[in-house]
Amino acid sequence: MADNLEDAVARHYGVDDLTGRILAAMAAAGIDAERVTAEALAPIDEFHIGGRPATVHAVSKMGLGTGDHLIDVGCGIGGASRYVASAVGCRVTGIDLTPAYVAAAQELTRRTGLGDRVSYRVASALAMPFGDRAFDAALTIHAAMNIEDRRELYREIARVLKPGATLCIYDVMRGEKGDVAFPVPWAETPATSHLTTPQEMQALLRDAGFAMREVEDRTAFALASMRKEAARSAAAGAPPAGPSIVMGASAPEKLRNVRANLESGAIIPVLMLATV
């Protein structure tokens, strides 16, 4: 069952010639593909709720240092991992189920000159190809919404972390006010959407050996961010670059549903920090 679900998730996120589409979007935005920085890519490669400001906020709470090695679980096209490597100077390894995402992440990282600090692999978060206690910290942003076996996910993350390491999670979680309207960026239907409540998340983390440090409801931030982005998109006459590249023509509908789900309380964006 897990393999079938992971195959379905990888297909959901798969995009033909994703790297080419990103390079075309960069050209349209006036970004020099041969002299690009992680900062310049932020509008294109960070399309989770809140984008780059959300990443900056999450990473600021992790206490990372230049000597650390971070695992980015569900790295997508690498926006967050490149930010960490650029801003902090530490090493980052990213994993993702979707080969097109990993290929794009590798190419963009090469073009930003961060290849000596950041690497990527196609891999399952439920069976990571790393030894025990390999990493100093872990980050996962908008990745677990597609993972049904959360218990194994957090046990596996705990396995690859050194004692005392920090796990930072920024995910969409299930609220208590109504059903989720589909489609959304992470799923076309409920079949591949596996949201948990913040309370369930904390229990899962504790069962995996983590001690909770902080839980932050980011709904107000998320709504303000989405309203600002919607106004910008309306003025430009086009959806945001990052989501439109990955989601194509369905991007506006999916983003409208995310906003409606936030406003109704059906979903909650939550930041969690825990120590193993």
C-alpha atoms as a PDB file:
ATOM      1  CA  MET A   1       0.000   0.000   0.000  1.00  0.00           C
ATOM      2  CA  ALA A   2       2.787   2.455   0.902  1.00  0.00           C
ATOM      3  CA  ASP A   3       4.517   1.882  -2.453  1.00  0.00           C
ATOM      4  CA  ASN A   4       1.251   2.470  -4.329  1.00  0.00           C
ATOM      5  CA  LEU A   5       0.621   5.688  -2.417  1.00  0.00           C
ATOM      6  CA  GLU A   6       4.153   6.939  -3.017  1.00  0.00           C
ATOM      7  CA  ASP A   7       3.809   6.195  -6.733  1.00  0.00           C
ATOM      8  CA  ALA A   8       0.563   8.175  -6.811  1.00  0.00           C
ATOM      9  CA  VAL A   9       2.144  11.094  -4.973  1.00  0.00           C
ATOM     10  CA  ALA A  10       5.152  11.130  -7.311  1.00  0.00           C
ATOM     11  CA  ARG A  11       2.796  11.162 -10.312  1.00  0.00           C
ATOM     12  CA  HIS A  12       0.786  14.009  -8.785  1.00  0.00           C
ATOM     13  CA  TYR A  13       3.880  16.189  -8.527  1.00  0.00           C
ATOM     14  CA  GLY A  14       5.478  15.049 -11.786  1.00  0.00           C
ATOM     15  CA  VAL A  15       5.813  17.791 -14.416  1.00  0.00           C
ATOM     16  CA  ASP A  16       7.141  17.342 -17.949  1.00  0.00           C
ATOM     17  CA  ASP A  17      10.376  19.297 -18.543  1.00  0.00           C
ATOM     18  CA  LEU A  18      10.126  20.973 -15.130  1.00  0.00           C
ATOM     19  CA  THR A  19      13.690  22.301 -15.290  1.00  0.00           C
ATOM     20  CA  GLY A  20      13.047  23.834 -18.709  1.00  0.00           C
ATOM     21  CA  ARG A  21       9.870  25.479 -17.468  1.00  0.00           C
ATOM     22  CA  ILE A  22      11.691  26.957 -14.487  1.00  0.00           C
ATOM     23  CA  LEU A  23      14.467  28.341 -16.683  1.00  0.00           C
ATOM     24  CA  ALA A  24      11.855  29.876 -18.990  1.00  0.00           C
ATOM     25  CA  ALA A  25      10.103  31.472 -16.008  1.00  0.00           C
ATOM     26  CA  MET A  26      13.437  32.849 -14.819  1.00  0.00           C
ATOM     27  CA  ALA A  27      14.058  34.398 -18.223  1.00  0.00           C
ATOM     28  CA  ALA A  28      10.573  35.922 -18.236  1.00  0.00           C
ATOM     29  CA  ALA A  29      11.248  37.408 -14.802  1.00  0.00           C
ATOM     30  CA  GLY A  30      14.543  38.891 -15.984  1.00  0.00           C
ATOM     31  CA  ILE A  31      16.669  36.525 -13.896  1.00  0.00           C
ATOM     32  CA  ASP A  32      20.063  35.691 -15.414  1.00  0.00           C
ATOM     33  CA  ALA A  33      20.148  31.887 -15.303  1.00  0.00           C
ATOM     34  CA  GLU A  34      23.950  31.877 -15.379  1.00  0.00           C
ATOM     35  CA  ARG A  35      24.375  34.313 -12.508  1.00  0.00           C
ATOM     36  CA  VAL A  36      21.465  33.458 -10.280  1.00  0.00           C
ATOM     37  CA  THR A  37      21.349  33.618  -6.493  1.00  0.00           C
ATOM     38  CA  ALA A  38      19.220  31.690  -4.020  1.00  0.00           C
ATOM     39  CA  GLU A  39      17.530  34.970  -3.120  1.00  0.00           C
ATOM     40  CA  ALA A  40      16.584  35.760  -6.723  1.00  0.00           C
ATOM     41  CA  LEU A  41      14.985  32.327  -7.091  1.00  0.00           C
ATOM     42  CA  ALA A  42      12.732  32.694  -4.029  1.00  0.00           C
ATOM     43  CA  PRO A  43       9.546  33.705  -5.934  1.00  0.00           C
ATOM     44  CA  ILE A  44       9.936  30.637  -8.154  1.00  0.00           C
ATOM     45  CA  ASP A  45      11.313  27.853  -5.967  1.00  0.00           C
ATOM     46  CA  GLU A  46       9.501  28.362  -2.632  1.00  0.00           C
ATOM     47  CA  PHE A  47       5.787  27.849  -3.187  1.00  0.00           C
ATOM     48  CA  HIS A  48       4.668  26.515   0.173  1.00  0.00           C
ATOM     49  CA  ILE A  49       2.290  28.752   2.149  1.00  0.00           C
ATOM     50  CA  GLY A  50       4.120  31.993   2.904  1.00  0.00           C
ATOM     51  CA  GLY A  51       7.052  31.274   0.604  1.00  0.00           C
ATOM     52  CA  ARG A  52      10.494  32.575   1.537  1.00  0.00           C
ATOM     53  CA  PRO A  53       9.345  34.536   4.631  1.00  0.00           C
ATOM     54  CA  ALA A  54       7.892  31.298   6.037  1.00  0.00           C
ATOM     55  CA  THR A  55      11.202  29.514   5.438  1.00  0.00           C
ATOM     56  CA  VAL A  56      13.208  32.309   7.041  1.00  0.00           C
ATOM     57  CA  HIS A  57      10.971  32.225  10.110  1.00  0.00           C
ATOM     58  CA  ALA A  58      11.247  28.453  10.478  1.00  0.00           C
ATOM     59  CA  VAL A  59      15.008  28.286   9.995  1.00  0.00           C
ATOM     60  CA  SER A  60      15.581  31.172  12.412  1.00  0.00           C
ATOM     61  CA  LYS A  61      14.251  28.981  15.218  1.00  0.00           C
ATOM     62  CA  MET A  62      16.561  26.015  14.532  1.00  0.00           C
ATOM     63  CA  GLY A  63      19.868  27.372  15.817  1.00  0.00           C
ATOM     64  CA  LEU A  64      21.844  25.994  12.882  1.00  0.00           C
ATOM     65  CA  GLY A  65      25.592  26.566  12.588  1.00  0.00           C
ATOM     66  CA  THR A  66      28.085  26.409   9.730  1.00  0.00           C
ATOM     67  CA  GLY A  67      29.353  23.007  10.822  1.00  0.00           C
ATOM     68  CA  ASP A  68      25.923  21.349  10.799  1.00  0.00           C
ATOM     69  CA  HIS A  69      24.561  18.873   8.273  1.00  0.00           C
ATOM     70  CA  LEU A  70      20.815  19.277   7.710  1.00  0.00           C
ATOM     71  CA  ILE A  71      18.440  16.776   6.113  1.00  0.00           C
ATOM     72  CA  ASP A  72      15.577  18.409   4.156  1.00  0.00           C
ATOM     73  CA  VAL A  73      12.799  15.811   4.000  1.00  0.00           C
ATOM     74  CA  GLY A  74      10.548  16.393   0.993  1.00  0.00           C
ATOM     75  CA  CYS A  75      12.826  19.055  -0.484  1.00  0.00           C
ATOM     76  CA  GLY A  76      10.824  19.753  -3.642  1.00  0.00           C
ATOM     77  CA  ILE A  77      12.898  21.798  -6.092  1.00  0.00           C
ATOM     78  CA  GLY A  78      15.243  22.869  -3.330  1.00  0.00           C
ATOM     79  CA  GLY A  79      14.276  26.412  -2.427  1.00  0.00           C
ATOM     80  CA  ALA A  80      14.453  25.942   1.332  1.00  0.00           C
ATOM     81  CA  SER A  81      17.670  23.910   1.236  1.00  0.00           C
ATOM     82  CA  ARG A  82      19.414  26.514  -0.927  1.00  0.00           C
ATOM     83  CA  TYR A  83      18.258  29.245   1.445  1.00  0.00           C
ATOM     84  CA  VAL A  84      19.710  27.395   4.436  1.00  0.00           C
ATOM     85  CA  ALA A  85      23.034  26.743   2.698  1.00  0.00           C
ATOM     86  CA  SER A  86      23.273  30.343   1.529  1.00  0.00           C
ATOM     87  CA  ALA A  87      22.134  32.044   4.733  1.00  0.00           C
ATOM     88  CA  VAL A  88      23.707  29.728   7.323  1.00  0.00           C
ATOM     89  CA  GLY A  89      26.569  28.151   5.387  1.00  0.00           C
ATOM     90  CA  CYS A  90      25.926  24.593   6.568  1.00  0.00           C
ATOM     91  CA  ARG A  91      25.663  21.427   4.463  1.00  0.00           C
ATOM     92  CA  VAL A  92      22.227  20.265   3.339  1.00  0.00           C
ATOM     93  CA  THR A  93      21.035  16.976   1.894  1.00  0.00           C
ATOM     94  CA  GLY A  94      17.566  16.971   0.358  1.00  0.00           C
ATOM     95  CA  ILE A  95      15.388  13.989  -0.496  1.00  0.00           C
ATOM     96  CA  ASP A  96      12.180  13.847  -2.513  1.00  0.00           C
ATOM     97  CA  LEU A  97      10.003  11.180  -4.120  1.00  0.00           C
ATOM     98  CA  THR A  98       9.662  13.022  -7.427  1.00  0.00           C
ATOM     99  CA  PRO A  99      12.584  12.604  -9.859  1.00  0.00           C
ATOM    100  CA  ALA A 100      11.677  15.779 -11.789  1.00  0.00           C
ATOM    101  CA  TYR A 101      11.895  17.799  -8.578  1.00  0.00           C
ATOM    102  CA  VAL A 102      15.288  16.367  -7.685  1.00  0.00           C
ATOM    103  CA  ALA A 103      16.620  16.989 -11.195  1.00  0.00           C
ATOM    104  CA  ALA A 104      15.441  20.607 -11.068  1.00  0.00           C
ATOM    105  CA  ALA A 105      16.866  21.045  -7.564  1.00  0.00           C
ATOM    106  CA  GLN A 106      20.255  19.770  -8.705  1.00  0.00           C
ATOM    107  CA  GLU A 107      20.363  22.058 -11.749  1.00  0.00           C
ATOM    108  CA  LEU A 108      19.261  25.174  -9.862  1.00  0.00           C
ATOM    109  CA  THR A 109      21.762  24.455  -7.106  1.00  0.00           C
ATOM    110  CA  ARG A 110      24.539  24.124  -9.677  1.00  0.00           C
ATOM    111  CA  ARG A 111      23.558  27.458 -11.199  1.00  0.00           C
ATOM    112  CA  THR A 112      23.581  29.187  -7.796  1.00  0.00           C
ATOM    113  CA  GLY A 113      27.075  27.879  -7.059  1.00  0.00           C
ATOM    114  CA  LEU A 114      25.920  25.990  -3.969  1.00  0.00           C
ATOM    115  CA  GLY A 115      26.739  22.504  -5.236  1.00  0.00           C
ATOM    116  CA  ASP A 116      29.567  22.100  -2.730  1.00  0.00           C
ATOM    117  CA  ARG A 117      27.108  22.503   0.162  1.00  0.00           C
ATOM    118  CA  VAL A 118      23.831  21.040  -1.099  1.00  0.00           C
ATOM    119  CA  SER A 119      23.036  17.626  -2.601  1.00  0.00           C
ATOM    120  CA  TYR A 120      19.813  15.818  -3.490  1.00  0.00           C
ATOM    121  CA  ARG A 121      18.583  12.253  -3.837  1.00  0.00           C
ATOM    122  CA  VAL A 122      15.382  10.601  -5.013  1.00  0.00           C
ATOM    123  CA  ALA A 123      14.292   8.701  -1.912  1.00  0.00           C
ATOM    124  CA  SER A 124      11.359   7.815   0.321  1.00  0.00           C
ATOM    125  CA  ALA A 125      11.077   9.544   3.675  1.00  0.00           C
ATOM    126  CA  LEU A 126       9.919   6.193   5.079  1.00  0.00           C
ATOM    127  CA  ALA A 127      13.181   4.440   4.167  1.00  0.00           C
ATOM    128  CA  MET A 128      15.948   7.006   3.938  1.00  0.00           C
ATOM    129  CA  PRO A 129      19.246   5.784   2.444  1.00  0.00           C
ATOM    130  CA  PHE A 130      21.368   7.064   5.319  1.00  0.00           C
ATOM    131  CA  GLY A 131      22.939   5.543   8.387  1.00  0.00           C
ATOM    132  CA  ASP A 132      21.840   6.102  11.962  1.00  0.00           C
ATOM    133  CA  ARG A 133      22.666   9.455  13.559  1.00  0.00           C
ATOM    134  CA  ALA A 134      23.889  10.954  10.274  1.00  0.00           C
ATOM    135  CA  PHE A 135      22.464  14.486  10.597  1.00  0.00           C
ATOM    136  CA  ASP A 136      22.603  17.392  13.034  1.00  0.00           C
ATOM    137  CA  ALA A 137      19.092  18.671  12.252  1.00  0.00           C
ATOM    138  CA  ALA A 138      16.060  18.007  10.061  1.00  0.00           C
ATOM    139  CA  LEU A 139      13.666  20.285   8.239  1.00  0.00           C
ATOM    140  CA  THR A 140      10.435  19.299   6.519  1.00  0.00           C
ATOM    141  CA  ILE A 141       8.159  21.831   4.828  1.00  0.00           C
ATOM    142  CA  HIS A 142       4.750  20.912   3.403  1.00  0.00           C
ATOM    143  CA  ALA A 143       5.735  17.291   2.820  1.00  0.00           C
ATOM    144  CA  ALA A 144       3.910  15.094   5.339  1.00  0.00           C
ATOM    145  CA  MET A 145       0.419  15.933   4.027  1.00  0.00           C
ATOM    146  CA  ASN A 146       0.847  13.096   1.513  1.00  0.00           C
ATOM    147  CA  ILE A 147       2.240  10.537   3.965  1.00  0.00           C
ATOM    148  CA  GLU A 148      -0.219   8.125   5.559  1.00  0.00           C
ATOM    149  CA  ASP A 149       2.277   6.255   7.755  1.00  0.00           C
ATOM    150  CA  ARG A 150       3.234   9.163   9.978  1.00  0.00           C
ATOM    151  CA  ARG A 151       4.411   6.886  12.759  1.00  0.00           C
ATOM    152  CA  GLU A 152       7.114   5.412  10.505  1.00  0.00           C
ATOM    153  CA  LEU A 153       7.986   8.837   9.073  1.00  0.00           C
ATOM    154  CA  TYR A 154       8.913  10.344  12.422  1.00  0.00           C
ATOM    155  CA  ARG A 155      10.638   7.185  13.626  1.00  0.00           C
ATOM    156  CA  GLU A 156      12.750   7.275  10.462  1.00  0.00           C
ATOM    157  CA  ILE A 157      13.613  10.944  10.929  1.00  0.00           C
ATOM    158  CA  ALA A 158      14.552  10.246  14.549  1.00  0.00           C
ATOM    159  CA  ARG A 159      16.770   7.381  13.396  1.00  0.00           C
ATOM    160  CA  VAL A 160      18.929   9.556  11.141  1.00  0.00           C
ATOM    161  CA  LEU A 161      19.309  12.377  13.684  1.00  0.00           C
ATOM    162  CA  LYS A 162      22.043  12.716  16.271  1.00  0.00           C
ATOM    163  CA  PRO A 163      21.024  12.891  19.941  1.00  0.00           C
ATOM    164  CA  GLY A 164      19.887  16.403  20.813  1.00  0.00           C
ATOM    165  CA  ALA A 165      19.189  17.299  17.167  1.00  0.00           C
ATOM    166  CA  THR A 166      16.304  19.592  16.242  1.00  0.00           C
ATOM    167  CA  LEU A 167      13.452  18.707  13.912  1.00  0.00           C
ATOM    168  CA  CYS A 168      11.555  21.649  12.418  1.00  0.00           C
ATOM    169  CA  ILE A 169       8.193  20.933  10.787  1.00  0.00           C
ATOM    170  CA  TYR A 170       6.112  23.449   8.855  1.00  0.00           C
ATOM    171  CA  ASP A 171       3.072  21.611   7.555  1.00  0.00           C
ATOM    172  CA  VAL A 172      -0.584  21.929   6.719  1.00  0.00           C
ATOM    173  CA  MET A 173      -2.608  20.188   9.424  1.00  0.00           C
ATOM    174  CA  ARG A 174      -6.259  19.330   9.802  1.00  0.00           C
ATOM    175  CA  GLY A 175      -8.521  21.823  11.532  1.00  0.00           C
ATOM    176  CA  GLU A 176     -11.731  21.130  13.375  1.00  0.00           C
ATOM    177  CA  LYS A 177     -14.139  23.209  11.273  1.00  0.00           C
ATOM    178  CA  GLY A 178     -15.415  21.408   8.212  1.00  0.00           C
ATOM    179  CA  ASP A 179     -14.104  19.325   5.361  1.00  0.00           C
ATOM    180  CA  VAL A 180     -11.184  20.202   3.126  1.00  0.00           C
ATOM    181  CA  ALA A 181     -12.194  21.486  -0.318  1.00  0.00           C
ATOM    182  CA  PHE A 182     -10.278  19.814  -3.166  1.00  0.00           C
ATOM    183  CA  PRO A 183      -8.251  20.092  -5.323  1.00  0.00           C
ATOM    184  CA  VAL A 184      -5.362  21.593  -3.345  1.00  0.00           C
ATOM    185  CA  PRO A 185      -1.664  21.827  -4.232  1.00  0.00           C
ATOM    186  CA  TRP A 186      -0.782  18.570  -2.464  1.00  0.00           C
ATOM    187  CA  ALA A 187      -3.726  16.460  -3.669  1.00  0.00           C
ATOM    188  CA  GLU A 188      -6.443  16.349  -6.313  1.00  0.00           C
ATOM    189  CA  THR A 189      -8.737  14.282  -4.072  1.00  0.00           C
ATOM    190  CA  PRO A 190      -8.807  12.988  -0.474  1.00  0.00           C
ATOM    191  CA  ALA A 191      -7.174   9.738  -1.662  1.00  0.00           C
ATOM    192  CA  THR A 192      -3.646  11.149  -1.426  1.00  0.00           C
ATOM    193  CA  SER A 193      -4.254  13.711   1.324  1.00  0.00           C
ATOM    194  CA  HIS A 194      -3.367  12.534   4.825  1.00  0.00           C
ATOM    195  CA  LEU A 195      -3.664  15.439   7.219  1.00  0.00           C
ATOM    196  CA  THR A 196      -3.339  15.095  10.972  1.00  0.00           C
ATOM    197  CA  THR A 197      -4.388  17.494  13.706  1.00  0.00           C
ATOM    198  CA  PRO A 198      -1.739  19.373  15.697  1.00  0.00           C
ATOM    199  CA  GLN A 199      -2.629  17.236  18.709  1.00  0.00           C
ATOM    200  CA  GLU A 200      -2.157  14.005  16.753  1.00  0.00           C
ATOM    201  CA  MET A 201       1.154  15.311  15.426  1.00  0.00           C
ATOM    202  CA  GLN A 202       2.489  15.968  18.900  1.00  0.00           C
ATOM    203  CA  ALA A 203       1.529  12.474  20.031  1.00  0.00           C
ATOM    204  CA  LEU A 204       3.235  10.940  16.983  1.00  0.00           C
ATOM    205  CA  LEU A 205       6.405  12.898  17.616  1.00  0.00           C
ATOM    206  CA  ARG A 206       6.525  11.918  21.278  1.00  0.00           C
ATOM    207  CA  ASP A 207       5.995   8.265  20.351  1.00  0.00           C
ATOM    208  CA  ALA A 208       8.984   8.537  17.983  1.00  0.00           C
ATOM    209  CA  GLY A 209      11.188   9.800  20.812  1.00  0.00           C
ATOM    210  CA  PHE A 210      10.952  13.566  20.298  1.00  0.00           C
ATOM    211  CA  ALA A 211      10.465  16.155  23.021  1.00  0.00           C
ATOM    212  CA  MET A 212       8.271  19.062  21.946  1.00  0.00           C
ATOM    213  CA  ARG A 213       9.847  22.512  22.089  1.00  0.00           C
ATOM    214  CA  GLU A 214       7.364  24.780  20.338  1.00  0.00           C
ATOM    215  CA  VAL A 215       4.028  24.705  18.515  1.00  0.00           C
ATOM    216  CA  GLU A 216       2.976  27.792  16.550  1.00  0.00           C
ATOM    217  CA  ASP A 217      -0.285  28.300  14.659  1.00  0.00           C
ATOM    218  CA  ARG A 218       0.657  30.245  11.491  1.00  0.00           C
ATOM    219  CA  THR A 219      -2.885  30.818  10.196  1.00  0.00           C
ATOM    220  CA  ALA A 220      -2.870  34.615  10.563  1.00  0.00           C
ATOM    221  CA  PHE A 221       0.494  34.840   8.795  1.00  0.00           C
ATOM    222  CA  ALA A 222      -0.682  32.469   6.050  1.00  0.00           C
ATOM    223  CA  LEU A 223      -3.884  34.373   5.335  1.00  0.00           C
ATOM    224  CA  ALA A 224      -2.093  37.708   5.226  1.00  0.00           C
ATOM    225  CA  SER A 225       0.503  36.241   2.882  1.00  0.00           C
ATOM    226  CA  MET A 226      -2.093  34.690   0.557  1.00  0.00           C
ATOM    227  CA  ARG A 227      -4.187  37.864   0.404  1.00  0.00           C
ATOM    228  CA  LYS A 228      -1.110  39.877  -0.477  1.00  0.00           C
ATOM    229  CA  GLU A 229      -0.114  37.359  -3.154  1.00  0.00           C
ATOM    230  CA  ALA A 230      -3.650  37.282  -4.563  1.00  0.00           C
ATOM    231  CA  ALA A 231      -3.647  41.072  -4.896  1.00  0.00           C
ATOM    232  CA  ARG A 232      -0.253  40.965  -6.604  1.00  0.00           C
ATOM    233  CA  SER A 233      -1.427  38.228  -8.978  1.00  0.00           C
ATOM    234  CA  ALA A 234      -4.621  40.123  -9.817  1.00  0.00           C
ATOM    235  CA  ALA A 235      -2.591  43.212 -10.662  1.00  0.00           C
ATOM    236  CA  ALA A 236      -0.229  41.152 -12.826  1.00  0.00           C
ATOM    237  CA  GLY A 237      -3.050  39.177 -14.445  1.00  0.00           C
ATOM    238  CA  ALA A 238      -1.299  35.862 -13.738  1.00  0.00           C
ATOM    239  CA  PRO A 239      -0.896  33.376 -10.867  1.00  0.00           C
ATOM    240  CA  PRO A 240       2.366  33.325  -8.847  1.00  0.00           C
ATOM    241  CA  ALA A 241       5.290  31.947 -10.863  1.00  0.00           C
ATOM    242  CA  GLY A 242       6.218  29.027  -8.617  1.00  0.00           C
ATOM    243  CA  PRO A 243       2.766  27.430  -8.277  1.00  0.00           C
ATOM    244  CA  SER A 244       1.909  28.043 -11.932  1.00  0.00           C
ATOM    245  CA  ILE A 245       5.052  26.196 -13.055  1.00  0.00           C
ATOM    246  CA  VAL A 246       4.335  23.129 -10.934  1.00  0.00           C
ATOM    247  CA  MET A 247       0.529  23.072 -10.978  1.00  0.00           C
ATOM    248  CA  GLY A 248      -0.075  24.495 -14.424  1.00  0.00           C
ATOM    249  CA  ALA A 249      -3.576  25.646 -15.351  1.00  0.00           C
ATOM    250  CA  SER A 250      -5.072  24.337 -12.090  1.00  0.00           C
ATOM    251  CA  ALA A 251      -2.919  26.642  -9.934  1.00  0.00           C
ATOM    252  CA  PRO A 252      -5.522  29.411  -9.437  1.00  0.00           C
ATOM    253  CA  GLU A 253      -8.236  26.951  -8.350  1.00  0.00           C
ATOM    254  CA  LYS A 254      -5.932  25.126  -5.964  1.00  0.00           C
ATOM    255  CA  LEU A 255      -4.694  28.349  -4.389  1.00  0.00           C
ATOM    256  CA  ARG A 256      -8.264  29.614  -3.993  1.00  0.00           C
ATOM    257  CA  ASN A 257      -9.157  26.368  -2.227  1.00  0.00           C
ATOM    258  CA  VAL A 258      -6.183  26.676   0.120  1.00  0.00           C
ATOM    259  CA  ARG A 259      -7.296  30.165   1.075  1.00  0.00           C
ATOM    260  CA  ALA A 260     -10.911  29.051   1.525  1.00  0.00           C
ATOM    261  CA  ASN A 261      -9.793  26.097   3.652  1.00  0.00           C
ATOM    262  CA  LEU A 262      -7.701  28.418   5.817  1.00  0.00           C
ATOM    263  CA  GLU A 263     -10.564  30.861   6.233  1.00  0.00           C
ATOM    264  CA  SER A 264     -13.031  28.108   7.156  1.00  0.00           C
ATOM    265  CA  GLY A 265     -10.660  26.490   9.646  1.00  0.00           C
ATOM    266  CA  ALA A 266     -10.554  23.201   7.726  1.00  0.00           C
ATOM    267  CA  ILE A 267      -6.751  23.414   7.590  1.00  0.00           C
ATOM    268  CA  ILE A 268      -4.137  24.981   9.862  1.00  0.00           C
ATOM    269  CA  PRO A 269      -0.533  25.775   8.893  1.00  0.00           C
ATOM    270  CA  VAL A 270       1.535  24.870  11.943  1.00  0.00           C
ATOM    271  CA  LEU A 271       5.211  25.222  12.819  1.00  0.00           C
ATOM    272  CA  MET A 272       6.587  22.661  15.258  1.00  0.00           C
ATOM    273  CA  LEU A 273      10.026  22.267  16.780  1.00  0.00           C
ATOM    274  CA  ALA A 274      11.068  19.125  18.599  1.00  0.00           C
ATOM    275  CA  THR A 275      14.304  17.595  19.874  1.00  0.00           C
ATOM    276  CA  VAL A 276      15.242  13.941  19.644  1.00  0.00           C
END
